[in-house]
Amino acid sequence: MFLRQSQTFSKRLFVFPSLLNTGKRSLCSRRTNSFLQTTKNSDSDFAIVRMQKPPANGLNLEFLTELTILLEKLEDDHSCRGMILTSSLPGIFSAGIDMAELTLSESRSPEHVTAFWRALQTFIINLYQTHLVTIATITGHAPAGGCLLSLVCDYRIMAAGKYTIGISALRAGLFPPAWIQQLLADTIGQRQAELSILQGKLYRPEEALQLGLVDKVVPEAEVLPAAESELREWLQVPDAARILTKSNLRRKLLQTFEHNREKEVEEITRFVQTDSFQNNLKEFMTNLKNKSR
C-alpha cells in the first residue's frame, strides 16, 4: 500500500500493491458528498471526480477539507491508479479561492485565514505529488486558483470556446507565493510566467494551448472522452517507474515549498490584514457582483 509519511515526495515511502499485496480495497462505484461526486466503475482503475459547489466551485476551508479527504481515499484504494478532476457546473471549472475566506470580519478572524491557507497548501501540494495519474478537464472558466488546480495535475484538457484560464490573483490584489510562480514558470517558461502573473492575464483555450498552459483543446462534448482515452495511455506505463520519475521531476519545487511553508502562511496572514488588501478585495468583489447582474 501507499503510506503518506509527509507532505513531500522525498519523505514518502511507497510499497506497490501489484507486487506485494493480492487483496484490494475499492471505493463504491458512485460516492456523492456535499461538494463532490465520485464515480468509479468496478472494471475501471481510475475515478472521475466532479466538483459541484455552486456557484463557481470556490475553494473555501470546508471544500478544501473534503477534497483532501477524498484524495487520500483514492490513494488508499488499491484498485485506483488515476483520477480525472472535472466540474459538474456549467461554464465553470473553478473560480479558485473563495475570496470571502480572506475577508476579515467579526466572524472571520486572522486565525481563520491561517487555517484556510494551510488547508489550501495541503490539498494543492498533495494533488501535485500524488502517486495517481491526474488529468484536469477544464470545461469552463479557470481563473486564479482554478488555474492552479489544473496546473498541479499531470495533464490538462480544456474545452474550446469562450472560456479563460490563468493565474490572475493580482487582479484581486493577492500575490501568488513563490512556489506557484515557479510552477507556472516550469510550465510555460520564465518570461511568459512573468508577463502572465504581473498582468493577471487570462487566456482563451487556443492561447493557453499555444503557451503550454494546457495540453489539449477539444470541443466541450469531447473533453471527458478525450480525458479517459489519455488517462488509459498514461496507465500503460508501469506504476513504480512512473511514480519514482514523477518524484524526481517535482522534488525541487516541493523542497522549495516545504522550506518556505510556514513563512508563507505568516506572510499571507499578515498581508490579508492590511487595509490596502481589504479595501482592494471589497472593490474587487463589488465589481464581480456588478458584472454578474
Protein backbone atom coordinates (compact mmCIF):
# COMPACT_ATOMS: atom_id res chain seq x y z
CA MET A 1 0.00 0.00 0.00
CA PHE A 2 0.98 3.64 -0.24
CA LEU A 3 1.91 5.28 3.05
CA ARG A 4 1.72 9.06 3.36
CA GLN A 5 4.59 9.95 5.71
CA SER A 6 4.96 13.68 4.93
CA GLN A 7 3.91 16.43 2.60
CA THR A 8 6.77 15.86 0.15
CA PHE A 9 7.61 13.06 -2.25
CA SER A 10 11.12 12.85 -0.87
CA LYS A 11 9.81 11.71 2.50
CA ARG A 12 7.15 9.30 1.27
CA LEU A 13 7.53 5.54 1.35
CA PHE A 14 5.93 3.57 -1.48
CA VAL A 15 5.16 -0.14 -1.43
CA PHE A 16 3.42 -1.27 -4.59
CA PRO A 17 0.26 -3.37 -4.19
CA SER A 18 0.69 -5.05 -7.55
CA LEU A 19 3.93 -6.55 -6.25
CA LEU A 20 3.23 -7.19 -2.60
CA ASN A 21 -0.49 -7.43 -1.95
CA THR A 22 -3.12 -9.54 -3.64
CA GLY A 23 -6.00 -8.06 -1.67
CA LYS A 24 -7.74 -4.90 -2.87
CA ARG A 25 -9.92 -2.30 -1.31
CA SER A 26 -12.21 -0.38 -3.61
CA LEU A 27 -14.35 2.71 -3.43
CA CYS A 28 -18.05 2.43 -4.09
CA SER A 29 -18.90 2.87 -7.75
CA ARG A 30 -20.53 6.23 -7.01
CA ARG A 31 -19.94 8.36 -3.94
CA THR A 32 -21.65 11.74 -3.51
CA ASN A 33 -20.69 14.23 -0.81
CA SER A 34 -21.94 17.77 -0.39
CA PHE A 35 -19.48 19.28 -2.88
CA LEU A 36 -18.08 16.26 -4.77
CA GLN A 37 -19.38 13.38 -6.83
CA THR A 38 -17.00 10.49 -7.38
CA THR A 39 -17.63 7.76 -9.96
CA LYS A 40 -15.56 4.62 -10.37
CA ASN A 41 -16.78 1.60 -12.30
CA SER A 42 -15.93 -1.83 -10.94
CA ASP A 43 -13.92 -2.65 -14.08
CA SER A 44 -12.07 0.67 -14.11
CA ASP A 45 -8.78 1.60 -12.49
CA PHE A 46 -9.47 5.32 -12.30
CA ALA A 47 -12.02 7.64 -10.73
CA ILE A 48 -13.87 10.65 -12.10
CA VAL A 49 -14.25 13.41 -9.50
CA ARG A 50 -16.82 16.10 -10.27
CA MET A 51 -16.77 19.33 -8.29
CA GLN A 52 -20.28 20.58 -7.60
CA LYS A 53 -20.11 23.54 -5.25
CA PRO A 54 -22.32 26.34 -6.59
CA PRO A 55 -22.00 28.94 -7.80
CA ALA A 56 -18.40 28.55 -9.01
CA ASN A 57 -16.60 25.72 -7.15
CA GLY A 58 -14.95 28.33 -4.94
CA LEU A 59 -12.26 26.94 -2.64
CA ASN A 60 -13.14 27.53 0.99
CA LEU A 61 -11.98 25.69 4.10
CA GLU A 62 -14.82 23.17 4.03
CA PHE A 63 -14.41 22.35 0.34
CA LEU A 64 -10.63 22.00 0.61
CA THR A 65 -11.03 19.65 3.56
CA GLU A 66 -13.44 17.50 1.58
CA LEU A 67 -11.11 17.45 -1.44
CA THR A 68 -8.15 16.45 0.74
CA ILE A 69 -10.04 13.60 2.38
CA LEU A 70 -11.29 12.31 -0.98
CA LEU A 71 -7.80 12.36 -2.48
CA GLU A 72 -6.47 10.34 0.44
CA LYS A 73 -9.27 7.79 0.00
CA LEU A 74 -8.47 7.43 -3.70
CA GLU A 75 -4.79 6.99 -2.91
CA ASP A 76 -5.63 4.28 -0.39
CA ASP A 77 -7.86 2.43 -2.87
CA HIS A 78 -5.58 -0.27 -4.27
CA SER A 79 -7.67 -0.58 -7.42
CA CYS A 80 -7.42 3.12 -8.28
CA ARG A 81 -4.43 4.31 -10.32
CA GLY A 82 -5.72 7.58 -11.75
CA MET A 83 -8.18 10.43 -11.35
CA ILE A 84 -9.97 12.82 -13.68
CA LEU A 85 -10.85 16.11 -11.99
CA THR A 86 -13.74 17.96 -13.58
CA SER A 87 -16.75 20.13 -12.80
CA SER A 88 -20.46 19.46 -12.99
CA LEU A 89 -21.27 23.19 -13.01
CA PRO A 90 -21.95 24.65 -16.47
CA GLY A 91 -19.38 27.12 -17.71
CA ILE A 92 -17.01 26.92 -14.75
CA PHE A 93 -14.14 24.65 -13.75
CA SER A 94 -13.31 26.56 -10.58
CA ALA A 95 -13.17 30.26 -9.78
CA GLY A 96 -10.35 29.50 -7.35
CA ILE A 97 -10.18 30.85 -3.82
CA ASP A 98 -13.49 31.82 -2.28
CA MET A 99 -12.42 35.38 -1.50
CA ALA A 100 -14.88 35.55 1.38
CA GLU A 101 -12.34 33.39 3.24
CA LEU A 102 -9.93 36.33 3.15
CA THR A 103 -12.47 38.99 4.11
CA LEU A 104 -11.94 39.86 7.77
CA SER A 105 -14.98 40.42 9.97
CA GLU A 106 -16.24 39.71 13.46
CA SER A 107 -16.95 36.13 12.42
CA ARG A 108 -13.78 35.65 10.34
CA SER A 109 -10.53 36.29 12.18
CA PRO A 110 -6.88 36.21 11.05
CA GLU A 111 -6.71 32.75 12.65
CA HIS A 112 -9.34 31.58 10.17
CA VAL A 113 -7.22 32.92 7.30
CA THR A 114 -4.26 30.95 8.65
CA ALA A 115 -6.31 27.73 8.85
CA PHE A 116 -7.70 28.31 5.37
CA TRP A 117 -4.30 28.91 3.79
CA ARG A 118 -2.85 25.80 5.41
CA ALA A 119 -5.76 23.78 4.02
CA LEU A 120 -5.12 25.26 0.57
CA GLN A 121 -1.43 24.40 0.77
CA THR A 122 -2.17 20.85 1.89
CA PHE A 123 -4.60 19.95 -0.87
CA ILE A 124 -2.70 21.62 -3.71
CA ILE A 125 0.62 20.06 -2.76
CA ASN A 126 -0.93 16.64 -2.10
CA LEU A 127 -2.51 16.74 -5.55
CA TYR A 128 0.79 17.84 -7.12
CA GLN A 129 2.71 14.93 -5.58
CA THR A 130 0.08 12.19 -5.60
CA HIS A 131 1.06 8.79 -6.99
CA LEU A 132 -2.16 8.80 -9.01
CA VAL A 133 -2.17 9.90 -12.63
CA THR A 134 -4.23 13.10 -12.62
CA ILE A 135 -5.97 14.78 -15.54
CA ALA A 136 -7.88 18.06 -15.28
CA THR A 137 -10.78 18.52 -17.69
CA ILE A 138 -11.43 22.24 -17.87
CA THR A 139 -14.99 22.66 -19.13
CA GLY A 140 -15.35 26.29 -18.09
CA HIS A 141 -13.53 29.30 -16.73
CA ALA A 142 -10.48 28.61 -14.55
CA PRO A 143 -9.06 31.87 -13.19
CA ALA A 144 -6.51 32.17 -10.37
CA GLY A 145 -6.85 29.17 -8.02
CA GLY A 146 -8.90 27.35 -10.64
CA CYS A 147 -5.90 27.52 -12.96
CA LEU A 148 -3.70 26.37 -10.07
CA LEU A 149 -5.90 23.30 -9.56
CA SER A 150 -5.29 22.30 -13.15
CA LEU A 151 -1.57 23.13 -13.07
CA VAL A 152 -0.86 20.61 -10.33
CA CYS A 153 -2.49 17.85 -12.35
CA ASP A 154 -0.33 15.78 -14.71
CA TYR A 155 -2.29 16.70 -17.85
CA ARG A 156 -4.81 19.38 -18.80
CA ILE A 157 -7.57 19.21 -21.41
CA MET A 158 -9.63 22.36 -21.99
CA ALA A 159 -12.92 22.84 -23.77
CA ALA A 160 -12.84 25.05 -26.85
CA GLY A 161 -14.90 28.20 -26.75
CA LYS A 162 -15.22 31.40 -24.77
CA TYR A 163 -13.63 30.16 -21.53
CA THR A 164 -10.49 31.63 -19.97
CA ILE A 165 -7.69 30.37 -17.74
CA GLY A 166 -4.76 31.96 -15.95
CA ILE A 167 -3.03 32.79 -12.66
CA SER A 168 -4.90 36.08 -12.23
CA ALA A 169 -4.51 36.55 -8.46
CA LEU A 170 -3.10 40.08 -8.79
CA ARG A 171 -6.46 41.23 -10.18
CA ALA A 172 -7.89 40.59 -6.72
CA GLY A 173 -4.93 42.21 -5.01
CA LEU A 174 -3.45 38.90 -3.83
CA PHE A 175 0.12 37.86 -4.60
CA PRO A 176 0.86 34.26 -5.63
CA PRO A 177 3.56 32.67 -3.42
CA ALA A 178 6.99 31.91 -4.89
CA TRP A 179 6.33 28.19 -5.45
CA ILE A 180 3.21 28.98 -7.51
CA GLN A 181 5.24 31.43 -9.58
CA GLN A 182 7.85 28.72 -10.09
CA LEU A 183 5.20 26.15 -11.02
CA LEU A 184 3.89 28.44 -13.73
CA ALA A 185 7.43 29.19 -14.94
CA ASP A 186 8.16 25.46 -15.11
CA THR A 187 5.04 25.08 -17.26
CA ILE A 188 5.19 28.00 -19.72
CA GLY A 189 8.70 29.41 -19.31
CA GLN A 190 10.11 32.17 -17.12
CA ARG A 191 9.36 35.20 -19.30
CA GLN A 192 5.82 34.18 -20.17
CA ALA A 193 5.18 33.39 -16.50
CA GLU A 194 6.35 36.87 -15.50
CA LEU A 195 4.07 38.53 -18.05
CA SER A 196 1.18 36.28 -17.08
CA ILE A 197 1.46 36.81 -13.32
CA LEU A 198 2.33 40.50 -13.28
CA GLN A 199 -0.54 41.39 -15.60
CA GLY A 200 -3.02 38.91 -14.14
CA LYS A 201 -3.56 37.55 -17.64
CA LEU A 202 -6.41 35.26 -18.63
CA TYR A 203 -6.10 33.22 -21.81
CA ARG A 204 -8.60 31.75 -24.26
CA PRO A 205 -8.23 27.98 -24.86
CA GLU A 206 -6.18 28.26 -28.07
CA GLU A 207 -3.89 30.86 -26.47
CA ALA A 208 -3.43 28.62 -23.44
CA LEU A 209 -2.60 25.69 -25.71
CA GLN A 210 -0.01 27.70 -27.62
CA LEU A 211 1.62 28.76 -24.33
CA GLY A 212 1.64 25.23 -22.92
CA LEU A 213 -0.70 26.18 -20.10
CA VAL A 214 -2.99 23.36 -21.27
CA ASP A 215 -2.03 20.24 -23.22
CA LYS A 216 -5.05 19.76 -25.46
CA VAL A 217 -8.15 21.70 -26.60
CA VAL A 218 -11.21 19.82 -27.87
CA PRO A 219 -14.92 20.57 -28.30
CA GLU A 220 -16.67 20.60 -24.94
CA ALA A 221 -18.66 17.42 -25.61
CA GLU A 222 -15.41 15.57 -26.29
CA VAL A 223 -13.48 16.67 -23.21
CA LEU A 224 -14.33 13.77 -20.90
CA PRO A 225 -13.92 11.02 -23.57
CA ALA A 226 -10.58 12.60 -24.50
CA ALA A 227 -9.52 12.58 -20.84
CA GLU A 228 -10.46 8.93 -20.39
CA SER A 229 -8.53 7.98 -23.54
CA GLU A 230 -5.50 9.99 -22.44
CA LEU A 231 -5.56 8.50 -18.95
CA ARG A 232 -5.60 4.97 -20.32
CA GLU A 233 -2.48 5.83 -22.31
CA TRP A 234 -0.75 7.10 -19.16
CA LEU A 235 -1.69 3.93 -17.30
CA GLN A 236 0.20 1.84 -19.85
CA VAL A 237 3.37 2.96 -18.04
CA PRO A 238 4.29 0.73 -15.04
CA ASP A 239 3.38 2.44 -11.77
CA ALA A 240 6.70 2.04 -9.96
CA ALA A 241 8.79 3.65 -12.69
CA ARG A 242 6.27 6.44 -13.29
CA ILE A 243 5.91 7.33 -9.60
CA LEU A 244 9.64 7.47 -8.93
CA THR A 245 10.24 9.55 -12.05
CA LYS A 246 7.45 11.95 -11.13
CA SER A 247 9.01 12.25 -7.69
CA ASN A 248 12.38 13.21 -9.16
CA LEU A 249 10.87 15.71 -11.60
CA ARG A 250 8.94 17.52 -8.87
CA ARG A 251 11.38 17.26 -5.97
CA LYS A 252 12.99 20.68 -6.41
CA LEU A 253 9.72 22.62 -6.32
CA LEU A 254 8.45 20.54 -3.41
CA GLN A 255 11.60 21.23 -1.43
CA THR A 256 11.23 24.96 -2.10
CA PHE A 257 7.63 24.82 -0.94
CA GLU A 258 8.41 22.86 2.21
CA HIS A 259 11.29 25.18 3.14
CA ASN A 260 9.02 28.24 2.97
CA ARG A 261 5.74 26.65 4.05
CA GLU A 262 5.24 28.30 7.46
CA LYS A 263 6.82 31.57 6.37
CA GLU A 264 4.30 31.74 3.53
CA VAL A 265 1.38 31.21 5.91
CA GLU A 266 2.64 34.01 8.15
CA GLU A 267 3.17 36.36 5.20
CA ILE A 268 -0.29 35.72 3.76
CA THR A 269 -1.96 36.16 7.15
CA ARG A 270 -0.17 39.48 7.71
CA PHE A 271 -0.85 40.69 4.18
CA VAL A 272 -4.56 39.91 4.35
CA GLN A 273 -4.87 42.04 7.49
CA THR A 274 -3.63 45.20 5.75
CA ASP A 275 -6.13 47.93 4.98
CA SER A 276 -4.93 48.11 1.38
CA PHE A 277 -5.70 44.44 0.74
CA GLN A 278 -9.09 44.55 2.45
CA ASN A 279 -10.06 47.68 0.51
CA ASN A 280 -8.89 46.18 -2.81
CA LEU A 281 -10.77 42.99 -2.01
CA LYS A 282 -14.02 44.84 -1.31
CA GLU A 283 -13.70 46.72 -4.58
CA PHE A 284 -12.91 43.50 -6.48
CA MET A 285 -15.90 41.66 -5.02
CA THR A 286 -18.20 44.62 -5.71
CA ASN A 287 -17.08 44.64 -9.35
CA LEU A 288 -17.74 40.90 -9.60
CA LYS A 289 -21.26 41.34 -8.26
CA ASN A 290 -21.95 44.14 -10.73
CA LYS A 291 -20.72 42.03 -13.65
CA SER A 292 -22.98 39.14 -12.65
CA ARG A 293 -26.12 41.27 -12.75
